[in-house]
C-alpha atoms as a PDB file:
ATOM      1  CA  MET A   1     -15.512  -3.513 -13.118  1.00  0.00           C
ATOM      2  CA  LYS A   2     -18.226  -3.946 -10.576  1.00  0.00           C
ATOM      3  CA  LYS A   3     -17.855  -5.073  -6.946  1.00  0.00           C
ATOM      4  CA  SER A   4     -19.830  -8.009  -7.475  1.00  0.00           C
ATOM      5  CA  ASP A   5     -16.946  -9.188 -10.172  1.00  0.00           C
ATOM      6  CA  PHE A   6     -14.734  -9.984  -7.123  1.00  0.00           C
ATOM      7  CA  PHE A   7     -17.382 -12.217  -5.086  1.00  0.00           C
ATOM      8  CA  TYR A   8     -16.804 -15.869  -4.290  1.00  0.00           C
ATOM      9  CA  ASP A   9     -18.270 -17.924  -1.844  1.00  0.00           C
ATOM     10  CA  LEU A  10     -16.725 -18.885   0.914  1.00  0.00           C
ATOM     11  CA  PRO A  11     -17.578 -21.483   3.688  1.00  0.00           C
ATOM     12  CA  LYS A  12     -17.166 -20.034   7.226  1.00  0.00           C
ATOM     13  CA  GLU A  13     -15.183 -22.959   8.211  1.00  0.00           C
ATOM     14  CA  LEU A  14     -12.164 -21.960   6.093  1.00  0.00           C
ATOM     15  CA  ILE A  15     -11.493 -18.693   7.596  1.00  0.00           C
ATOM     16  CA  ALA A  16      -8.809 -19.310   9.964  1.00  0.00           C
ATOM     17  CA  GLN A  17      -8.851 -18.251  13.432  1.00  0.00           C
ATOM     18  CA  THR A  18      -5.619 -19.325  14.869  1.00  0.00           C
ATOM     19  CA  PRO A  19      -1.966 -19.292  13.831  1.00  0.00           C
ATOM     20  CA  ILE A  20      -0.537 -22.224  12.509  1.00  0.00           C
ATOM     21  CA  GLU A  21       2.573 -23.764  14.133  1.00  0.00           C
ATOM     22  CA  PRO A  22       5.661 -23.533  12.916  1.00  0.00           C
ATOM     23  CA  ARG A  23       4.886 -20.469  10.815  1.00  0.00           C
ATOM     24  CA  ASN A  24       6.392 -21.798   7.490  1.00  0.00           C
ATOM     25  CA  SER A  25       3.926 -24.646   7.831  1.00  0.00           C
ATOM     26  CA  SER A  26       1.070 -22.900   6.173  1.00  0.00           C
ATOM     27  CA  ARG A  27      -0.013 -24.113   2.705  1.00  0.00           C
ATOM     28  CA  LEU A  28       1.137 -22.143  -0.676  1.00  0.00           C
ATOM     29  CA  LEU A  29      -0.215 -21.942  -3.865  1.00  0.00           C
ATOM     30  CA  VAL A  30       1.786 -20.951  -6.994  1.00  0.00           C
ATOM     31  CA  LEU A  31       0.128 -19.150  -9.663  1.00  0.00           C
ATOM     32  CA  ASN A  32       1.566 -18.250 -12.969  1.00  0.00           C
ATOM     33  CA  ARG A  33       0.421 -15.213 -14.197  1.00  0.00           C
ATOM     34  CA  GLU A  34       1.456 -15.834 -17.746  1.00  0.00           C
ATOM     35  CA  ASN A  35      -0.553 -19.072 -18.213  1.00  0.00           C
ATOM     36  CA  GLY A  36      -2.706 -19.315 -15.052  1.00  0.00           C
ATOM     37  CA  ALA A  37      -1.135 -22.573 -14.051  1.00  0.00           C
ATOM     38  CA  VAL A  38      -1.771 -23.177 -10.240  1.00  0.00           C
ATOM     39  CA  ASN A  39       0.785 -25.618  -8.191  1.00  0.00           C
ATOM     40  CA  HIS A  40       0.131 -26.346  -4.253  1.00  0.00           C
ATOM     41  CA  THR A  41       3.108 -26.744  -1.913  1.00  0.00           C
ATOM     42  CA  VAL A  42       3.915 -25.619   1.694  1.00  0.00           C
ATOM     43  CA  PHE A  43       5.200 -22.175   2.254  1.00  0.00           C
ATOM     44  CA  SER A  44       8.612 -23.693   3.844  1.00  0.00           C
ATOM     45  CA  ASP A  45       9.369 -24.527   0.219  1.00  0.00           C
ATOM     46  CA  LEU A  46       9.033 -20.921  -1.244  1.00  0.00           C
ATOM     47  CA  GLU A  47      12.888 -20.612  -1.677  1.00  0.00           C
ATOM     48  CA  ASN A  48      12.475 -23.133  -4.567  1.00  0.00           C
ATOM     49  CA  TYR A  49      10.703 -20.887  -6.615  1.00  0.00           C
ATOM     50  CA  LEU A  50      13.233 -17.979  -5.651  1.00  0.00           C
ATOM     51  CA  LYS A  51      16.963 -17.421  -7.261  1.00  0.00           C
ATOM     52  CA  ALA A  52      19.938 -15.376  -6.735  1.00  0.00           C
ATOM     53  CA  GLY A  53      19.539 -12.033  -7.789  1.00  0.00           C
ATOM     54  CA  ASP A  54      15.756 -11.806  -6.482  1.00  0.00           C
ATOM     55  CA  CYS A  55      14.963  -9.197  -3.839  1.00  0.00           C
ATOM     56  CA  LEU A  56      12.435  -9.431  -1.366  1.00  0.00           C
ATOM     57  CA  ILE A  57      10.803  -6.390  -0.056  1.00  0.00           C
ATOM     58  CA  LEU A  58       9.200  -6.819   3.581  1.00  0.00           C
ATOM     59  CA  ASN A  59       7.129  -4.351   5.537  1.00  0.00           C
ATOM     60  CA  ASP A  60       8.996  -4.011   8.791  1.00  0.00           C
ATOM     61  CA  THR A  61       5.900  -2.447  10.352  1.00  0.00           C
ATOM     62  CA  ARG A  62       5.160  -3.601  14.163  1.00  0.00           C
ATOM     63  CA  VAL A  63       1.221  -3.738  15.355  1.00  0.00           C
ATOM     64  CA  LEU A  64       0.259  -1.739  18.240  1.00  0.00           C
ATOM     65  CA  PRO A  65      -1.518  -3.437  21.066  1.00  0.00           C
ATOM     66  CA  ALA A  66      -3.905  -0.820  20.011  1.00  0.00           C
ATOM     67  CA  ARG A  67      -7.113  -2.054  21.649  1.00  0.00           C
ATOM     68  CA  ILE A  68      -7.577  -0.854  24.753  1.00  0.00           C
ATOM     69  CA  PHE A  69     -10.778  -0.397  27.407  1.00  0.00           C
ATOM     70  CA  GLY A  70     -11.274   2.452  29.566  1.00  0.00           C
ATOM     71  CA  GLU A  71     -13.333   3.432  32.365  1.00  0.00           C
ATOM     72  CA  ARG A  72     -15.316   6.760  32.043  1.00  0.00           C
ATOM     73  CA  VAL A  73     -14.381   8.786  35.493  1.00  0.00           C
ATOM     74  CA  ASP A  74     -17.568  10.092  36.086  1.00  0.00           C
ATOM     75  CA  THR A  75     -19.971   7.134  35.518  1.00  0.00           C
ATOM     76  CA  GLY A  76     -17.693   4.085  35.611  1.00  0.00           C
ATOM     77  CA  ALA A  77     -18.860   3.224  32.151  1.00  0.00           C
ATOM     78  CA  VAL A  78     -16.482   1.154  29.957  1.00  0.00           C
ATOM     79  CA  VAL A  79     -15.272   2.010  26.719  1.00  0.00           C
ATOM     80  CA  GLU A  80     -13.669   0.476  23.991  1.00  0.00           C
ATOM     81  CA  PHE A  81     -10.987   2.444  22.174  1.00  0.00           C
ATOM     82  CA  VAL A  82      -8.846   1.557  19.113  1.00  0.00           C
ATOM     83  CA  LEU A  83      -5.636   3.587  18.493  1.00  0.00           C
ATOM     84  CA  LEU A  84      -5.483   4.615  14.700  1.00  0.00           C
ATOM     85  CA  LYS A  85      -3.180   7.220  14.149  1.00  0.00           C
ATOM     86  CA  ARG A  86      -0.628   9.313  16.414  1.00  0.00           C
ATOM     87  CA  LEU A  87      -1.116  13.119  15.714  1.00  0.00           C
ATOM     88  CA  SER A  88       1.571  14.264  18.299  1.00  0.00           C
ATOM     89  CA  ASP A  89       3.348  13.285  21.186  1.00  0.00           C
ATOM     90  CA  ASP A  90       0.502  12.313  23.187  1.00  0.00           C
ATOM     91  CA  ARG A  91      -2.429  13.092  20.903  1.00  0.00           C
ATOM     92  CA  TRP A  92      -3.912  10.204  19.263  1.00  0.00           C
ATOM     93  CA  GLU A  93      -6.946   9.671  16.231  1.00  0.00           C
ATOM     94  CA  THR A  94      -9.220   6.765  17.726  1.00  0.00           C
ATOM     95  CA  ILE A  95     -12.292   4.819  17.089  1.00  0.00           C
ATOM     96  CA  ALA A  96     -14.429   4.489  20.094  1.00  0.00           C
ATOM     97  CA  GLY A  97     -17.294   1.977  21.224  1.00  0.00           C
ATOM     98  CA  PRO A  98     -20.742   2.321  19.988  1.00  0.00           C
ATOM     99  CA  GLY A  99     -23.014   4.751  21.546  1.00  0.00           C
ATOM    100  CA  LYS A 100     -22.412   8.297  23.100  1.00  0.00           C
ATOM    101  CA  LYS A 101     -20.037   7.321  26.068  1.00  0.00           C
ATOM    102  CA  ALA A 102     -17.047   9.095  24.685  1.00  0.00           C
ATOM    103  CA  LYS A 103     -17.747  12.930  24.221  1.00  0.00           C
ATOM    104  CA  ALA A 104     -15.613  15.818  24.234  1.00  0.00           C
ATOM    105  CA  GLY A 105     -14.679  16.586  27.649  1.00  0.00           C
ATOM    106  CA  HIS A 106     -14.984  13.023  28.806  1.00  0.00           C
ATOM    107  CA  LYS A 107     -11.829  11.587  30.865  1.00  0.00           C
ATOM    108  CA  PHE A 108     -11.239   7.821  31.173  1.00  0.00           C
ATOM    109  CA  THR A 109      -8.552   5.721  32.909  1.00  0.00           C
ATOM    110  CA  PHE A 110      -7.072   2.415  31.320  1.00  0.00           C
ATOM    111  CA  GLY A 111      -5.601   0.979  34.764  1.00  0.00           C
ATOM    112  CA  ASP A 112      -3.356   2.928  37.176  1.00  0.00           C
ATOM    113  CA  LYS A 113      -0.727   4.150  34.786  1.00  0.00           C
ATOM    114  CA  LEU A 114      -2.786   5.339  31.698  1.00  0.00           C
ATOM    115  CA  SER A 115      -5.487   8.060  31.302  1.00  0.00           C
ATOM    116  CA  ALA A 116      -6.918   9.992  28.589  1.00  0.00           C
ATOM    117  CA  GLU A 117      -9.389  12.896  27.780  1.00  0.00           C
ATOM    118  CA  VAL A 118     -11.468  12.977  24.589  1.00  0.00           C
ATOM    119  CA  ILE A 119     -10.498  16.398  22.664  1.00  0.00           C
ATOM    120  CA  GLU A 120     -12.809  16.200  19.711  1.00  0.00           C
ATOM    121  CA  VAL A 121     -15.217  14.144  18.117  1.00  0.00           C
ATOM    122  CA  LEU A 122     -14.656  14.056  13.844  1.00  0.00           C
ATOM    123  CA  GLU A 123     -17.549  14.274  11.670  1.00  0.00           C
ATOM    124  CA  ASN A 124     -16.766  10.251  10.944  1.00  0.00           C
ATOM    125  CA  GLY A 125     -16.911   9.521  14.527  1.00  0.00           C
ATOM    126  CA  ASN A 126     -13.701   8.866  15.100  1.00  0.00           C
ATOM    127  CA  ARG A 127     -12.078  10.851  18.669  1.00  0.00           C
ATOM    128  CA  ILE A 128      -9.022  12.663  19.118  1.00  0.00           C
ATOM    129  CA  ILE A 129      -7.867  12.175  22.832  1.00  0.00           C
ATOM    130  CA  ASP A 130      -4.986  13.089  24.508  1.00  0.00           C
ATOM    131  CA  PHE A 131      -3.065  10.550  27.232  1.00  0.00           C
ATOM    132  CA  SER A 132      -1.289  11.252  30.384  1.00  0.00           C
ATOM    133  CA  TYR A 133       0.779   8.412  31.934  1.00  0.00           C
ATOM    134  CA  ASN A 134       3.321   7.508  34.585  1.00  0.00           C
ATOM    135  CA  GLY A 135       6.319   5.651  32.711  1.00  0.00           C
ATOM    136  CA  GLU A 136       7.024   4.681  28.810  1.00  0.00           C
ATOM    137  CA  PHE A 137       3.696   5.127  26.662  1.00  0.00           C
ATOM    138  CA  TYR A 138       4.536   2.098  24.629  1.00  0.00           C
ATOM    139  CA  ALA A 139       5.417  -0.291  27.598  1.00  0.00           C
ATOM    140  CA  ILE A 140       2.351   0.819  29.235  1.00  0.00           C
ATOM    141  CA  LEU A 141       0.488   0.003  26.420  1.00  0.00           C
ATOM    142  CA  ASP A 142       1.952  -3.316  25.832  1.00  0.00           C
ATOM    143  CA  GLU A 143       0.398  -3.884  29.390  1.00  0.00           C
ATOM    144  CA  VAL A 144      -3.005  -2.789  29.016  1.00  0.00           C
ATOM    145  CA  GLY A 145      -3.466  -3.210  25.302  1.00  0.00           C
ATOM    146  CA  ASN A 146      -4.830  -6.124  23.203  1.00  0.00           C
ATOM    147  CA  MET A 147      -4.499  -6.982  19.144  1.00  0.00           C
ATOM    148  CA  PRO A 148      -6.722  -5.407  17.275  1.00  0.00           C
ATOM    149  CA  LEU A 149      -7.479  -8.491  15.499  1.00  0.00           C
ATOM    150  CA  PRO A 150     -10.185  -8.260  12.684  1.00  0.00           C
ATOM    151  CA  PRO A 151     -13.566  -8.968  13.055  1.00  0.00           C
ATOM    152  CA  TYR A 152     -13.631 -12.414  11.405  1.00  0.00           C
ATOM    153  CA  ILE A 153     -11.488 -13.740  14.193  1.00  0.00           C
ATOM    154  CA  THR A 154     -13.404 -14.697  16.912  1.00  0.00           C
ATOM    155  CA  GLU A 155     -11.140 -16.911  19.094  1.00  0.00           C
ATOM    156  CA  LYS A 156      -8.595 -15.415  21.700  1.00  0.00           C
ATOM    157  CA  LEU A 157      -4.935 -14.887  20.555  1.00  0.00           C
ATOM    158  CA  ASP A 158      -3.059 -16.327  23.274  1.00  0.00           C
ATOM    159  CA  ASP A 159       0.689 -15.136  22.153  1.00  0.00           C
ATOM    160  CA  LYS A 160       0.683 -11.252  21.049  1.00  0.00           C
ATOM    161  CA  GLU A 161       3.849 -12.108  18.965  1.00  0.00           C
ATOM    162  CA  ARG A 162       2.215 -14.298  16.308  1.00  0.00           C
ATOM    163  CA  TYR A 163       0.151 -11.495  15.266  1.00  0.00           C
ATOM    164  CA  GLN A 164       3.605  -9.670  14.654  1.00  0.00           C
ATOM    165  CA  THR A 165       6.082 -10.772  11.783  1.00  0.00           C
ATOM    166  CA  VAL A 166       9.653 -12.047  12.997  1.00  0.00           C
ATOM    167  CA  TYR A 167      10.972  -8.878  11.529  1.00  0.00           C
ATOM    168  CA  SER A 168       8.752  -6.599  12.810  1.00  0.00           C
ATOM    169  CA  LYS A 169      10.481  -3.070  14.097  1.00  0.00           C
ATOM    170  CA  GLU A 170       8.625   0.170  13.608  1.00  0.00           C
ATOM    171  CA  LEU A 171       5.641   0.579  15.937  1.00  0.00           C
ATOM    172  CA  GLY A 172       2.560   2.224  14.266  1.00  0.00           C
ATOM    173  CA  SER A 173       0.086  -0.431  12.817  1.00  0.00           C
ATOM    174  CA  ALA A 174      -3.486  -1.088  13.517  1.00  0.00           C
ATOM    175  CA  ALA A 175      -3.332  -4.353  11.866  1.00  0.00           C
ATOM    176  CA  ALA A 176      -0.390  -6.943  10.752  1.00  0.00           C
ATOM    177  CA  PRO A 177       1.013  -7.269   7.145  1.00  0.00           C
ATOM    178  CA  THR A 178      -0.450 -10.879   7.220  1.00  0.00           C
ATOM    179  CA  ALA A 179       1.872 -12.099   4.154  1.00  0.00           C
ATOM    180  CA  GLY A 180       4.842 -12.057   6.505  1.00  0.00           C
ATOM    181  CA  LEU A 181       3.451 -13.680   9.170  1.00  0.00           C
ATOM    182  CA  HIS A 182       4.868 -16.969   7.279  1.00  0.00           C
ATOM    183  CA  PHE A 183       8.481 -16.318   7.777  1.00  0.00           C
ATOM    184  CA  THR A 184      10.667 -17.533  10.307  1.00  0.00           C
ATOM    185  CA  GLU A 185      14.367 -16.304  10.637  1.00  0.00           C
ATOM    186  CA  GLU A 186      15.655 -19.448  10.029  1.00  0.00           C
ATOM    187  CA  MET A 187      13.914 -19.379   6.409  1.00  0.00           C
ATOM    188  CA  LEU A 188      14.786 -15.518   5.760  1.00  0.00           C
ATOM    189  CA  ASP A 189      18.808 -16.723   6.757  1.00  0.00           C
ATOM    190  CA  ASN A 190      18.549 -19.692   4.128  1.00  0.00           C
ATOM    191  CA  LEU A 191      16.853 -17.230   1.667  1.00  0.00           C
ATOM    192  CA  ARG A 192      20.349 -14.738   2.054  1.00  0.00           C
ATOM    193  CA  LYS A 193      22.438 -17.775   1.978  1.00  0.00           C
ATOM    194  CA  LYS A 194      20.673 -18.759  -1.444  1.00  0.00           C
ATOM    195  CA  GLY A 195      21.471 -15.205  -2.833  1.00  0.00           C
ATOM    196  CA  VAL A 196      18.463 -13.603  -2.380  1.00  0.00           C
ATOM    197  CA  ASN A 197      18.529 -10.223  -1.305  1.00  0.00           C
ATOM    198  CA  ILE A 198      16.255  -8.834   1.593  1.00  0.00           C
ATOM    199  CA  GLY A 199      15.195  -5.278   2.045  1.00  0.00           C
ATOM    200  CA  PHE A 200      12.699  -3.541   4.070  1.00  0.00           C
ATOM    201  CA  VAL A 201       9.844  -0.781   3.591  1.00  0.00           C
ATOM    202  CA  THR A 202       7.565   0.836   6.491  1.00  0.00           C
ATOM    203  CA  LEU A 203       3.747   0.942   5.665  1.00  0.00           C
ATOM    204  CA  HIS A 204       1.791   1.585   8.935  1.00  0.00           C
ATOM    205  CA  VAL A 205      -1.510  -0.358   8.010  1.00  0.00           C
ATOM    206  CA  GLY A 206      -4.895   1.121   9.077  1.00  0.00           C
ATOM    207  CA  LEU A 207      -7.742  -0.298  10.267  1.00  0.00           C
ATOM    208  CA  GLY A 208      -9.244   0.537   6.727  1.00  0.00           C
ATOM    209  CA  THR A 209      -7.509  -2.274   5.204  1.00  0.00           C
ATOM    210  CA  PHE A 210     -10.574  -4.098   6.460  1.00  0.00           C
ATOM    211  CA  ARG A 211     -13.292  -1.337   5.409  1.00  0.00           C
ATOM    212  CA  PRO A 212     -15.440  -2.901   2.595  1.00  0.00           C
ATOM    213  CA  VAL A 213     -16.070  -1.364  -0.841  1.00  0.00           C
ATOM    214  CA  LYS A 214     -19.524   0.102  -0.509  1.00  0.00           C
ATOM    215  CA  VAL A 215     -19.964   1.410  -4.289  1.00  0.00           C
ATOM    216  CA  ASP A 216     -21.049  -0.820  -7.008  1.00  0.00           C
ATOM    217  CA  ASP A 217     -18.730   0.972  -9.332  1.00  0.00           C
ATOM    218  CA  ILE A 218     -14.976  -0.212  -8.024  1.00  0.00           C
ATOM    219  CA  LYS A 219     -13.673   3.165  -9.787  1.00  0.00           C
ATOM    220  CA  ASP A 220     -15.863   5.269  -7.389  1.00  0.00           C
ATOM    221  CA  HIS A 221     -14.411   3.769  -4.263  1.00  0.00           C
ATOM    222  CA  VAL A 222     -12.157   6.199  -2.098  1.00  0.00           C
ATOM    223  CA  MET A 223      -9.170   4.395  -0.859  1.00  0.00           C
ATOM    224  CA  HIS A 224      -7.948   5.038   2.659  1.00  0.00           C
ATOM    225  CA  SER A 225      -4.637   6.881   3.476  1.00  0.00           C
ATOM    226  CA  GLU A 226      -1.573   5.289   5.173  1.00  0.00           C
ATOM    227  CA  HIS A 227       2.015   6.926   6.026  1.00  0.00           C
ATOM    228  CA  TYR A 228       5.015   5.113   4.542  1.00  0.00           C
ATOM    229  CA  HIS A 229       8.680   5.177   4.354  1.00  0.00           C
ATOM    230  CA  VAL A 230      11.670   3.798   1.889  1.00  0.00           C
ATOM    231  CA  PRO A 231      15.078   4.127   3.394  1.00  0.00           C
ATOM    232  CA  LYS A 232      17.901   4.760   1.327  1.00  0.00           C
ATOM    233  CA  ILE A 233      19.461   1.112   1.663  1.00  0.00           C
ATOM    234  CA  THR A 234      16.272  -0.476   0.102  1.00  0.00           C
ATOM    235  CA  ALA A 235      15.670   2.310  -2.876  1.00  0.00           C
ATOM    236  CA  ASP A 236      19.444   1.527  -3.660  1.00  0.00           C
ATOM    237  CA  LEU A 237      18.964  -2.419  -3.448  1.00  0.00           C
ATOM    238  CA  ILE A 238      15.651  -2.260  -5.504  1.00  0.00           C
ATOM    239  CA  ASN A 239      17.418  -0.128  -8.454  1.00  0.00           C
ATOM    240  CA  LYS A 240      20.378  -2.399  -8.346  1.00  0.00           C
ATOM    241  CA  THR A 241      18.162  -5.649  -8.773  1.00  0.00           C
ATOM    242  CA  LYS A 242      16.334  -3.947 -11.639  1.00  0.00           C
ATOM    243  CA  ALA A 243      19.532  -2.920 -13.404  1.00  0.00           C
ATOM    244  CA  GLU A 244      20.754  -6.283 -13.052  1.00  0.00           C
ATOM    245  CA  GLY A 245      17.923  -8.100 -14.342  1.00  0.00           C
ATOM    246  CA  GLY A 246      16.522  -9.573 -10.933  1.00  0.00           C
ATOM    247  CA  ARG A 247      12.897  -9.456  -9.853  1.00  0.00           C
ATOM    248  CA  VAL A 248      11.732  -7.295  -7.393  1.00  0.00           C
ATOM    249  CA  ILE A 249       9.146  -9.561  -5.082  1.00  0.00           C
ATOM    250  CA  CYS A 250       6.496  -7.933  -2.642  1.00  0.00           C
ATOM    251  CA  VAL A 251       5.698  -9.721   0.526  1.00  0.00           C
ATOM    252  CA  GLY A 252       2.284  -8.387   1.020  1.00  0.00           C
ATOM    253  CA  THR A 253       0.089  -5.847  -0.449  1.00  0.00           C
ATOM    254  CA  THR A 254       1.475  -3.119   1.581  1.00  0.00           C
ATOM    255  CA  SER A 255       4.828  -3.493   0.058  1.00  0.00           C
ATOM    256  CA  CYS A 256       3.176  -3.453  -3.375  1.00  0.00           C
ATOM    257  CA  ARG A 257       1.238  -0.310  -2.450  1.00  0.00           C
ATOM    258  CA  THR A 258       4.314   1.431  -0.974  1.00  0.00           C
ATOM    259  CA  LEU A 259       6.516   0.565  -4.053  1.00  0.00           C
ATOM    260  CA  GLU A 260       3.790   1.399  -6.414  1.00  0.00           C
ATOM    261  CA  SER A 261       3.680   4.597  -4.580  1.00  0.00           C
ATOM    262  CA  ALA A 262       7.246   5.565  -4.489  1.00  0.00           C
ATOM    263  CA  TYR A 263       8.545   4.409  -8.167  1.00  0.00           C
ATOM    264  CA  ASN A 264       9.143   6.920 -10.370  1.00  0.00           C
ATOM    265  CA  ASP A 265      11.065   7.482 -13.902  1.00  0.00           C
ATOM    266  CA  GLY A 266      12.288   4.000 -13.741  1.00  0.00           C
ATOM    267  CA  LYS A 267      13.934   4.059 -10.441  1.00  0.00           C
ATOM    268  CA  ILE A 268      13.128   4.783  -6.267  1.00  0.00           C
ATOM    269  CA  GLU A 269      14.697   7.247  -4.127  1.00  0.00           C
ATOM    270  CA  GLU A 270      14.774   7.391  -0.234  1.00  0.00           C
ATOM    271  CA  CYS A 271      11.347   8.901   0.672  1.00  0.00           C
ATOM    272  CA  SER A 272       8.229   9.401   3.134  1.00  0.00           C
ATOM    273  CA  GLY A 273       5.213  10.190   2.691  1.00  0.00           C
ATOM    274  CA  ASP A 274       0.977   9.033   2.448  1.00  0.00           C
ATOM    275  CA  THR A 275      -0.465   6.890   0.145  1.00  0.00           C
ATOM    276  CA  SER A 276      -4.138   6.349  -1.004  1.00  0.00           C
ATOM    277  CA  ILE A 277      -3.360   4.385  -4.153  1.00  0.00           C
ATOM    278  CA  PHE A 278      -6.130   1.870  -5.335  1.00  0.00           C
ATOM    279  CA  ILE A 279      -4.789  -0.795  -7.542  1.00  0.00           C
ATOM    280  CA  PHE A 280      -7.477  -2.524  -9.976  1.00  0.00           C
ATOM    281  CA  PRO A 281      -7.539  -4.167 -12.906  1.00  0.00           C
ATOM    282  CA  GLY A 282      -5.999  -2.100 -15.663  1.00  0.00           C
ATOM    283  CA  TYR A 283      -3.315  -0.548 -13.695  1.00  0.00           C
ATOM    284  CA  LYS A 284       0.383  -0.685 -14.919  1.00  0.00           C
ATOM    285  CA  PHE A 285       2.568  -1.831 -12.559  1.00  0.00           C
ATOM    286  CA  LYS A 286       5.946   0.051 -12.404  1.00  0.00           C
ATOM    287  CA  CYS A 287       8.181  -1.746 -10.011  1.00  0.00           C
ATOM    288  CA  MET A 288       6.764  -5.213  -8.543  1.00  0.00           C
ATOM    289  CA  ASP A 289       7.664  -8.110 -10.758  1.00  0.00           C
ATOM    290  CA  ALA A 290       5.908 -10.962  -7.862  1.00  0.00           C
ATOM    291  CA  LEU A 291       3.938 -11.068  -5.100  1.00  0.00           C
ATOM    292  CA  ILE A 292       3.647 -12.999  -1.976  1.00  0.00           C
ATOM    293  CA  THR A 293       0.073 -12.743  -0.351  1.00  0.00           C
ATOM    294  CA  ASN A 294      -2.521 -14.223   1.622  1.00  0.00           C
ATOM    295  CA  PHE A 295      -6.262 -14.732   0.681  1.00  0.00           C
ATOM    296  CA  HIS A 296      -8.299 -11.650   0.928  1.00  0.00           C
ATOM    297  CA  LEU A 297     -11.794 -11.066   1.801  1.00  0.00           C
ATOM    298  CA  PRO A 298     -14.509 -11.491  -1.029  1.00  0.00           C
ATOM    299  CA  GLU A 299     -15.257  -7.781  -2.945  1.00  0.00           C
ATOM    300  CA  SER A 300     -12.444  -6.163  -0.992  1.00  0.00           C
ATOM    301  CA  THR A 301      -9.527  -3.528  -2.052  1.00  0.00           C
ATOM    302  CA  LEU A 302      -6.858  -6.352  -1.664  1.00  0.00           C
ATOM    303  CA  ILE A 303      -8.296  -9.064  -4.159  1.00  0.00           C
ATOM    304  CA  MET A 304      -8.697  -6.159  -6.632  1.00  0.00           C
ATOM    305  CA  LEU A 305      -4.826  -5.495  -6.527  1.00  0.00           C
ATOM    306  CA  VAL A 306      -4.124  -9.311  -6.724  1.00  0.00           C
ATOM    307  CA  SER A 307      -6.331  -9.350 -10.005  1.00  0.00           C
ATOM    308  CA  ALA A 308      -4.465  -6.367 -11.259  1.00  0.00           C
ATOM    309  CA  PHE A 309      -1.423  -8.288 -11.227  1.00  0.00           C
ATOM    310  CA  ALA A 310      -2.370 -11.875 -11.657  1.00  0.00           C
ATOM    311  CA  GLY A 311      -5.226 -11.090 -13.942  1.00  0.00           C
ATOM    312  CA  TYR A 312      -8.918 -11.204 -13.304  1.00  0.00           C
ATOM    313  CA  ASP A 313      -9.429 -14.788 -14.644  1.00  0.00           C
ATOM    314  CA  ASN A 314      -6.552 -16.294 -13.061  1.00  0.00           C
ATOM    315  CA  THR A 315      -7.480 -14.663  -9.448  1.00  0.00           C
ATOM    316  CA  MET A 316     -10.578 -16.050  -9.241  1.00  0.00           C
ATOM    317  CA  ASN A 317      -9.709 -19.378 -10.879  1.00  0.00           C
ATOM    318  CA  ALA A 318      -7.350 -19.468  -8.090  1.00  0.00           C
ATOM    319  CA  TYR A 319      -9.417 -18.735  -5.477  1.00  0.00           C
ATOM    320  CA  ASN A 320     -12.209 -20.797  -6.154  1.00  0.00           C
ATOM    321  CA  THR A 321      -9.208 -23.592  -6.637  1.00  0.00           C
ATOM    322  CA  ALA A 322      -8.232 -22.744  -3.025  1.00  0.00           C
ATOM    323  CA  VAL A 323     -11.639 -23.030  -1.833  1.00  0.00           C
ATOM    324  CA  ALA A 324     -12.151 -26.204  -3.025  1.00  0.00           C
ATOM    325  CA  GLU A 325      -8.933 -27.671  -1.747  1.00  0.00           C
ATOM    326  CA  LYS A 326      -9.658 -26.288   1.741  1.00  0.00           C
ATOM    327  CA  TYR A 327      -7.035 -23.621   1.865  1.00  0.00           C
ATOM    328  CA  ARG A 328      -7.314 -21.630   4.905  1.00  0.00           C
ATOM    329  CA  PHE A 329      -8.130 -18.050   4.487  1.00  0.00           C
ATOM    330  CA  PHE A 330      -7.627 -14.409   5.317  1.00  0.00           C
ATOM    331  CA  SER A 331      -4.765 -13.133   8.193  1.00  0.00           C
ATOM    332  CA  PHE A 332      -3.849 -16.618   9.835  1.00  0.00           C
ATOM    333  CA  GLY A 333      -4.757 -18.284   6.755  1.00  0.00           C
ATOM    334  CA  ASP A 334      -2.509 -19.955   3.779  1.00  0.00           C
ATOM    335  CA  ALA A 335      -0.680 -17.888   1.214  1.00  0.00           C
ATOM    336  CA  MET A 336      -0.127 -17.211  -2.250  1.00  0.00           C
ATOM    337  CA  PHE A 337       2.763 -16.989  -4.599  1.00  0.00           C
ATOM    338  CA  ILE A 338       2.155 -15.053  -7.692  1.00  0.00           C
ATOM    339  CA  GLU A 339       4.979 -15.414 -10.451  1.00  0.00           C
END
């Protein structure tokens, strides 16, 4: 298939700029992948589509306030850095702002508690930097850092926690698993009372999730790699759900990619690793039975994953319907439930 097969026309005004309150008041498009039927409701009504014995799998990664601005010690030039991946205790791979103001050997300060030195410039332009600091690194980062919001969000986010899920725990992401932003603690409690089981995996989302597909033939696309972990308690829950005929419902494409990477020979075990799995039409799903997800960018790997699960025609029809119905799109936008 071609990249252009996954294009749809999206008016700019439908790109959500701010989160909606309360979280679960966003709209929900329900798509039946067997017959393509579409229904419209609100996210708080999701429990009407779930039943006892179903299993929700949530990604409990927590977004780092990874966008920081450093002043170069020798020139005073200000350079933006985005933390991508922790390589060791104080060494990180980062993206640096445009220009040549962050070369190997250059030193920067980020306020009075944090400083860094550029150790290496990689072939792709990313920088390896070593941090020095007084105090606890993540506490300092929370003081000086900003949320690395995607480029299509241009309005300021007043509350950093609105770009975190209510169950976020494991620090390490450069972007939020946005399908989970719709859940409230009360809603999760109500689902548990109904008999819906909830399990957690961790996949640290990289900025590669926003990277466009540049090749025309999608089979030639090289997917970015992300680190994941499936704990034993979640693996056991998934295996039990499958054995008893329940549905494994992934909240977000990150949970989907985690399970599809880890599920082998009809079961899943506790595991950690890196996945660069690229799911597009023709893929045979091994674990996921239903998916909760947001509306994704045209021609992105994420809409390709959705198309693989829901069917290409069903997906494009649902997206065009959402545009016509003026749904809110992307990270702070509305949601889909594909059953």
